[in-house]
């Protein structure tokens, strides 16, 4: 991504490249934002690295199951809190 500086504005080509990259970046960052909001994935609290890896692996699996259920329209009448707990 190219950034503009004080006396060097972006060209139209640079703006187009930034638009394309921002669309890709938004799709990549969405799952992490959801994990941060729903699963409180801001701070790791387990004591060892292997435990953190297992905890993260289960969180990713839960996220994938939740996303698959959402994409297949299984969560139409169930609130998110009922689904998680």
Protein backbone atom coordinates (compact mmCIF):
# COMPACT_ATOMS: atom_id res chain seq x y z
CA UNK A 1 0.00 0.00 0.00
CA UNK A 2 1.35 3.37 -0.95
CA UNK A 3 0.85 6.30 1.38
CA UNK A 4 0.77 9.97 0.55
CA UNK A 5 3.13 12.38 2.24
CA UNK A 6 2.83 16.07 2.93
CA UNK A 7 3.85 17.39 -0.51
CA UNK A 8 3.43 14.19 -2.47
CA UNK A 9 -0.25 13.32 -3.07
CA UNK A 10 -1.33 9.95 -4.40
CA UNK A 11 -1.79 9.47 -8.10
CA UNK A 12 -5.01 7.97 -9.47
CA UNK A 13 -3.21 4.67 -10.07
CA UNK A 14 -2.04 4.58 -6.42
CA UNK A 15 -5.59 5.32 -5.25
CA UNK A 16 -6.96 2.44 -7.33
CA UNK A 17 -4.35 0.04 -5.95
CA UNK A 18 -5.25 1.15 -2.40
CA UNK A 19 -8.97 0.59 -3.12
CA UNK A 20 -8.30 -2.95 -4.31
CA UNK A 21 -6.06 -3.76 -1.35
CA UNK A 22 -8.50 -2.30 1.16
CA UNK A 23 -11.25 -4.59 -0.15
CA UNK A 24 -9.04 -7.63 0.34
CA UNK A 25 -7.88 -6.44 3.74
CA UNK A 26 -11.45 -5.92 4.93
CA UNK A 27 -12.37 -9.53 4.09
CA UNK A 28 -9.28 -10.83 5.90
CA UNK A 29 -9.78 -8.69 9.03
CA UNK A 30 -13.50 -9.45 9.50
CA UNK A 31 -13.03 -12.85 11.19
CA UNK A 32 -10.48 -11.43 13.62
CA UNK A 33 -12.81 -8.58 14.55
CA UNK A 34 -15.61 -11.06 15.18
CA UNK A 35 -13.34 -13.27 17.31
CA UNK A 36 -12.29 -10.23 19.29
CA UNK A 37 -15.88 -9.15 19.95
CA UNK A 38 -17.55 -12.51 20.58
CA UNK A 39 -14.78 -14.65 22.07
CA UNK A 40 -12.92 -11.82 23.86
CA UNK A 41 -9.73 -12.68 21.97
CA UNK A 42 -7.83 -9.64 23.22
CA UNK A 43 -5.63 -11.13 25.94
CA UNK A 44 -4.44 -14.69 26.46
CA UNK A 45 -4.85 -15.83 30.07
CA UNK A 46 -3.55 -19.41 30.05
CA UNK A 47 -0.18 -20.12 31.59
CA UNK A 48 1.81 -21.88 28.88
CA UNK A 49 2.21 -21.55 25.13
CA UNK A 50 0.84 -25.06 24.36
CA UNK A 51 -2.29 -24.27 26.40
CA UNK A 52 -2.71 -21.01 24.50
CA UNK A 53 -2.37 -22.86 21.21
CA UNK A 54 -5.07 -25.35 22.19
CA UNK A 55 -7.32 -22.55 23.43
CA UNK A 56 -6.88 -20.64 20.16
CA UNK A 57 -7.48 -23.79 18.12
CA UNK A 58 -10.81 -24.42 19.87
CA UNK A 59 -11.77 -20.77 19.39
CA UNK A 60 -11.04 -21.02 15.65
CA UNK A 61 -13.08 -24.22 15.45
CA UNK A 62 -16.01 -22.55 17.25
CA UNK A 63 -15.76 -19.58 14.93
CA UNK A 64 -15.79 -21.84 11.87
CA UNK A 65 -18.85 -23.72 13.12
CA UNK A 66 -20.63 -20.47 13.91
CA UNK A 67 -19.77 -19.04 10.50
CA UNK A 68 -20.91 -22.20 8.71
CA UNK A 69 -24.21 -22.16 10.59
CA UNK A 70 -24.69 -18.52 9.72
CA UNK A 71 -23.92 -19.10 6.05
CA UNK A 72 -26.38 -21.97 5.85
CA UNK A 73 -29.07 -19.78 7.48
CA UNK A 74 -29.39 -21.96 10.57
CA UNK A 75 -29.23 -18.94 12.89
CA UNK A 76 -32.31 -17.14 11.63
CA UNK A 77 -34.42 -17.46 14.79
CA UNK A 78 -31.74 -18.05 17.42
CA UNK A 79 -29.98 -15.20 19.14
CA UNK A 80 -26.20 -15.27 19.30
CA UNK A 81 -26.13 -15.71 23.07
CA UNK A 82 -28.34 -18.81 22.90
CA UNK A 83 -26.10 -20.29 20.23
CA UNK A 84 -22.88 -19.80 22.16
CA UNK A 85 -24.00 -20.98 25.58
